[in-house]
Protein backbone atom coordinates (compact mmCIF):
# COMPACT_ATOMS: atom_id res chain seq x y z
CA MET A 1 10.63 -9.64 35.05
CA ALA A 2 11.83 -8.61 31.59
CA ILE A 3 10.78 -10.78 28.67
CA LEU A 4 13.72 -11.79 26.49
CA ILE A 5 13.49 -10.48 22.94
CA SER A 6 15.47 -12.64 20.53
CA THR A 7 16.17 -11.21 17.07
CA ARG A 8 19.28 -12.95 15.76
CA GLY A 9 18.93 -16.57 14.81
CA SER A 10 21.88 -18.74 13.88
CA LYS A 11 23.69 -17.94 10.66
CA ASN A 12 22.39 -21.21 9.25
CA GLY A 13 18.97 -22.60 10.03
CA GLU A 14 15.34 -22.99 9.00
CA CYS A 15 13.76 -20.04 7.18
CA ASN A 16 10.75 -18.67 9.08
CA MET A 17 8.79 -18.33 5.85
CA CYS A 18 9.46 -21.33 3.60
CA GLY A 19 11.20 -23.77 5.93
CA ASP A 20 14.27 -24.31 3.74
CA ILE A 21 17.46 -24.95 5.71
CA GLY A 22 20.55 -22.92 4.85
CA PRO A 23 22.16 -19.49 5.39
CA LEU A 24 19.82 -16.96 7.03
CA THR A 25 19.66 -13.23 6.26
CA GLU A 26 18.51 -10.20 8.25
CA ASP A 27 15.08 -8.84 7.46
CA HIS A 28 14.26 -5.21 8.32
CA THR A 29 10.69 -4.46 9.37
CA PRO A 30 9.53 -2.18 7.92
CA PRO A 31 11.78 -2.53 4.86
CA LYS A 32 14.57 0.04 4.65
CA GLY A 33 12.91 2.03 1.87
CA CYS A 34 10.03 3.04 4.17
CA LEU A 35 12.14 4.99 6.62
CA LYS A 36 15.78 5.56 7.51
CA PRO A 37 16.87 2.85 9.96
CA THR A 38 18.08 4.37 13.25
CA GLN A 39 18.93 3.03 16.68
CA VAL A 40 15.85 1.74 18.48
CA GLU A 41 15.23 0.30 21.93
CA GLN A 42 12.91 -2.70 21.89
CA HIS A 43 10.72 -3.93 24.74
CA HIS A 44 8.04 -6.54 24.96
CA ILE A 45 4.67 -4.88 24.45
CA ALA A 46 3.63 -5.85 27.99
CA ARG A 47 6.04 -3.21 29.31
CA ARG A 48 4.43 -0.50 27.23
CA LEU A 49 0.93 -1.43 28.36
CA SER A 50 1.74 -1.96 32.03
CA ALA A 51 0.22 0.47 34.54
CA ASP A 52 3.54 0.41 36.41
CA PRO A 53 6.22 -0.25 33.80
CA THR A 54 9.65 -1.23 35.06
CA LYS A 55 12.72 0.75 34.06
CA GLU A 56 14.87 -2.09 32.77
CA LYS A 57 16.70 -1.44 29.54
CA GLY A 58 15.37 -3.03 26.39
CA ARG A 59 17.24 -4.60 23.51
CA PHE A 60 19.04 -2.02 21.38
CA SER A 61 19.40 -2.29 17.64
CA GLN A 62 21.65 0.13 15.75
CA ASN A 63 19.63 0.23 12.53
CA GLY A 64 15.98 -0.47 13.13
CA VAL A 65 13.97 -3.58 13.96
CA LYS A 66 15.43 -6.60 12.22
CA TYR A 67 15.46 -10.39 12.50
CA ARG A 68 17.96 -12.87 11.09
CA THR A 69 15.38 -15.48 10.21
CA LEU A 70 14.79 -15.56 6.42
CA CYS A 71 16.58 -17.37 3.63
CA HIS A 72 18.05 -15.45 0.69
CA ARG A 73 15.20 -16.38 -1.65
CA CYS A 74 12.39 -15.22 0.67
CA ASN A 75 14.18 -12.09 1.86
CA ASN A 76 15.85 -10.89 -1.33
CA ASN A 77 14.27 -12.56 -4.36
CA LEU A 78 10.67 -12.39 -3.15
CA LEU A 79 10.43 -9.62 -0.55
CA GLY A 80 13.19 -7.31 -1.73
CA THR A 81 12.70 -7.68 -5.47
CA LYS A 82 9.09 -8.70 -6.05
CA TYR A 83 6.91 -7.54 -3.15
CA ASP A 84 8.58 -4.71 -1.21
CA PRO A 85 8.73 -2.11 -4.01
CA ALA A 86 4.91 -1.86 -4.06
CA PHE A 87 4.73 -1.85 -0.26
CA ILE A 88 7.40 0.87 0.04
CA SER A 89 5.77 3.02 -2.64
CA PHE A 90 2.36 2.88 -0.96
CA VAL A 91 3.74 3.55 2.53
CA ASN A 92 5.88 6.48 1.40
CA ARG A 93 2.96 8.12 -0.40
CA VAL A 94 0.93 7.91 2.81
CA GLY A 95 3.87 9.46 4.66
CA THR A 96 4.06 12.34 2.19
CA LEU A 97 0.40 13.11 2.80
CA LEU A 98 0.73 13.03 6.58
CA ARG A 99 3.70 15.42 6.41
CA SER A 100 1.91 17.81 4.06
CA SER A 101 0.88 21.24 5.30
CA LEU A 102 -1.94 21.35 2.77
CA HIS A 103 -5.55 21.04 3.88
CA LEU A 104 -6.51 17.64 2.51
CA PRO A 105 -9.85 15.84 2.33
CA ASN A 106 -10.62 13.42 5.15
CA THR A 107 -10.10 10.50 2.77
CA ILE A 108 -7.80 10.38 -0.22
CA THR A 109 -6.82 7.60 -2.63
CA ILE A 110 -3.36 6.28 -3.44
CA GLN A 111 -2.60 3.90 -6.26
CA GLY A 112 -1.27 0.60 -5.01
CA GLN A 113 -0.76 -3.08 -5.85
CA PRO A 114 -2.78 -4.96 -3.19
CA GLN A 115 -1.42 -8.45 -3.80
CA ALA A 116 2.20 -7.30 -3.53
CA ILE A 117 1.45 -5.16 -0.46
CA LEU A 118 -0.24 -8.10 1.25
CA ARG A 119 2.64 -10.48 0.57
CA SER A 120 5.22 -7.96 1.73
CA LEU A 121 3.31 -7.43 4.97
CA ILE A 122 2.93 -11.16 5.62
CA GLY A 123 6.58 -11.85 4.84
CA HIS A 124 7.91 -9.21 7.22
CA ILE A 125 5.66 -10.19 10.12
CA SER A 126 6.53 -13.85 9.53
CA ALA A 127 10.21 -12.94 9.93
CA GLN A 128 9.57 -11.94 13.54
CA GLY A 129 10.89 -14.40 16.10
CA VAL A 130 13.84 -16.78 16.00
CA SER A 131 13.17 -20.35 14.81
CA ARG A 132 9.49 -19.71 14.09
CA TYR A 133 8.93 -21.73 10.93
CA LEU A 134 6.63 -24.31 12.56
CA LYS A 135 3.38 -24.08 10.60
CA GLY A 136 -0.18 -25.01 11.44
CA PRO A 137 -3.61 -24.75 9.80
CA LEU A 138 -3.57 -20.94 10.03
CA THR A 139 -0.06 -20.28 8.78
CA GLU A 140 0.46 -23.01 6.16
CA PRO A 141 -1.88 -21.19 3.72
CA LEU A 142 0.08 -17.97 4.38
CA ARG A 143 3.33 -19.68 3.41
CA ASP A 144 1.81 -21.00 0.19
CA TYR A 145 0.29 -17.61 -0.60
CA PHE A 146 3.63 -15.85 -0.06
CA LEU A 147 5.55 -18.29 -2.25
CA ASP A 148 3.03 -18.41 -5.11
CA SER A 149 1.93 -15.02 -6.47
CA SER A 150 -0.96 -16.60 -8.39
CA LYS A 151 -2.83 -17.67 -5.24
CA PRO A 152 -5.66 -15.63 -3.64
CA LEU A 153 -5.48 -14.41 -0.05
CA PRO A 154 -6.39 -17.40 2.18
CA VAL A 155 -10.04 -17.81 3.14
CA GLY A 156 -10.89 -16.54 6.62
CA LEU A 157 -8.10 -13.98 6.65
CA SER A 158 -8.79 -10.23 6.74
CA VAL A 159 -6.25 -7.40 6.43
CA SER A 160 -7.01 -3.80 7.42
CA TYR A 161 -4.89 -0.64 7.33
CA TRP A 162 -5.05 2.95 8.51
CA ALA A 163 -2.89 6.06 8.72
CA TYR A 164 -0.66 6.04 11.82
CA PRO A 165 0.89 9.49 12.52
CA HIS A 166 2.99 8.29 15.47
CA ARG A 167 6.65 7.33 15.84
CA PRO A 168 6.64 4.27 18.14
CA HIS A 169 6.83 0.99 16.24
CA VAL A 170 4.53 -1.84 17.33
CA MET A 171 4.84 -5.39 16.01
CA ALA A 172 2.93 -8.41 17.30
CA ARG A 173 2.73 -11.96 16.02
CA ASP A 174 0.38 -14.63 17.34
CA ALA A 175 -1.69 -12.43 19.64
CA ALA A 176 -5.24 -13.21 20.72
CA TYR A 177 -7.99 -10.57 20.91
CA LEU A 178 -11.15 -11.23 22.97
CA ASP A 179 -14.26 -9.09 22.56
CA ILE A 180 -15.82 -9.26 26.05
CA PRO A 181 -19.47 -8.41 25.16
CA SER A 182 -19.72 -11.15 22.54
CA GLY A 183 -17.19 -13.57 24.01
CA HIS A 184 -15.70 -13.85 20.53
CA SER A 185 -11.92 -14.25 20.14
CA VAL A 186 -9.64 -14.03 17.12
CA VAL A 187 -5.95 -14.42 16.34
CA ILE A 188 -4.30 -11.18 15.18
CA TRP A 189 -0.99 -10.01 13.75
CA LEU A 190 -0.15 -6.33 14.00
CA LEU A 191 2.39 -3.98 12.42
CA LYS A 192 2.39 -0.24 13.16
CA PHE A 193 5.02 2.33 12.26
CA PHE A 194 4.93 5.88 10.90
CA PRO A 195 2.96 6.49 8.69
CA ILE A 196 0.72 3.40 8.56
CA ALA A 197 -0.67 0.48 10.55
CA PHE A 198 -1.77 -2.97 9.40
CA LEU A 199 -3.97 -5.48 11.21
CA VAL A 200 -4.24 -9.13 10.14
CA VAL A 201 -7.21 -11.03 11.59
CA TRP A 202 -8.20 -14.67 11.34
CA GLY A 203 -11.97 -14.86 11.57
CA GLU A 204 -14.70 -12.27 12.17
CA SER A 205 -13.33 -9.20 13.98
CA LYS A 206 -16.22 -8.51 16.36
CA GLY A 207 -15.77 -5.45 18.55
CA MET A 208 -13.01 -3.99 16.34
CA HIS A 209 -15.10 -1.31 14.71
CA TYR A 210 -13.02 1.75 13.85
CA PRO A 211 -12.91 3.67 10.55
CA VAL A 212 -10.24 1.54 8.90
CA HIS A 213 -10.00 0.29 5.33
CA SER A 214 -9.51 -3.26 4.15
CA LEU A 215 -7.47 -4.95 1.43
CA ASP A 216 -9.98 -7.82 1.35
CA PRO A 217 -11.84 -6.61 -1.78
CA TRP A 218 -8.73 -7.47 -3.83
CA ARG A 219 -8.07 -10.87 -2.26
CA ASP A 220 -8.75 -12.63 -5.59
CA SER A 221 -7.30 -10.03 -7.95
CA PRO A 222 -4.35 -10.89 -10.21
CA PHE A 223 -0.94 -10.06 -8.76
CA GLU A 224 -0.27 -7.22 -11.21
CA THR A 225 -3.55 -5.39 -10.49
CA LEU A 226 -3.20 -1.69 -9.61
CA VAL A 227 -6.09 0.02 -7.80
CA ASP A 228 -6.88 3.27 -6.01
CA LEU A 229 -6.64 2.45 -2.31
CA PRO A 230 -8.55 4.76 0.06
CA VAL A 231 -6.63 6.23 3.00
CA THR A 232 -8.52 8.09 5.73
CA ILE A 233 -6.57 10.88 7.42
CA ARG A 234 -9.30 11.86 9.86
CA PRO A 235 -10.85 10.55 12.02
CA LEU A 236 -8.37 7.87 13.07
CA PRO A 237 -8.45 5.07 15.66
CA PRO A 238 -6.77 5.83 19.02
CA GLN A 239 -2.97 5.63 18.97
CA PHE A 240 -2.87 2.47 21.11
CA TRP A 241 -5.61 0.59 19.26
CA PRO A 242 -5.94 -2.35 19.05
CA GLU A 243 -2.97 -3.45 21.19
CA ALA A 244 -4.15 -1.83 24.44
CA PRO A 245 -6.92 -3.71 26.31
CA THR A 246 -10.09 -1.82 27.26
CA ASN A 247 -13.14 -2.53 29.38
CA GLN A 248 -14.54 -4.18 26.24
CA SER A 249 -11.52 -6.26 25.23
CA VAL A 250 -8.74 -8.53 26.48
CA LEU A 251 -5.49 -9.24 24.63
CA VAL A 252 -2.98 -12.00 25.17
CA TYR A 253 0.51 -11.74 23.64
CA GLY A 254 3.20 -14.28 22.97
CA GLN A 255 6.90 -13.54 23.05
CA GLU A 256 6.82 -12.07 19.52
CA ALA A 257 5.21 -8.76 20.49
CA ILE A 258 7.41 -5.68 20.65
CA TYR A 259 7.34 -1.95 21.14
CA ALA A 260 10.30 -0.06 19.66
CA LYS A 261 11.20 3.59 19.98
CA GLY A 262 14.19 5.59 18.80
């Protein structure tokens, strides 16, 4: 049975990020400046990972993955004006490197603004899912962090990134990852699109040991801080990591987990 993917909330409602009630706007994930929005077909991630996927049609979107779930302030004043420019700049520089025909070192550095990149990432993943403002002990600190650029990244939260030279777009909110050998489980958010992937983890990520870099060292840095962020081009994690279960892991997804392909 197909899992319904809902992307368009009411024109007026509760903002997924701040909770204010009023007109809602469409948020593109990734933001438009990262790649040219084209028609995509969206399926729940379970279809992609199934050993015998059904052939039902997914949800089509004419100009990329987008959700009408954010208020004007969160989507335009904060994401569009304050946070996204740094995110877009970093992502596009990674894309330029992956498209290059030059022989590059295995790891290079790209100047970036970690605190803006983190807030942009959190804002866009939070936009996923209609009527998803409801906050709890894990997501209340994220809301406060997003709204106040002077705050540090919440304690217990870790954000990793790696080059992703693949076209399919993967986006998951509120997924659970279980490391079978240790019996340890964590909540994860995931965003993958060419040319980069981001993994948000609450707690210690046991069993998730691939050569990825972390934004955690700059969790307490001032918002304006610019640093040289390492990006490894080779070796890279497998294309379907970490969303595909293995004989060492189990993953459970909620409704807000999609696979999109043009």
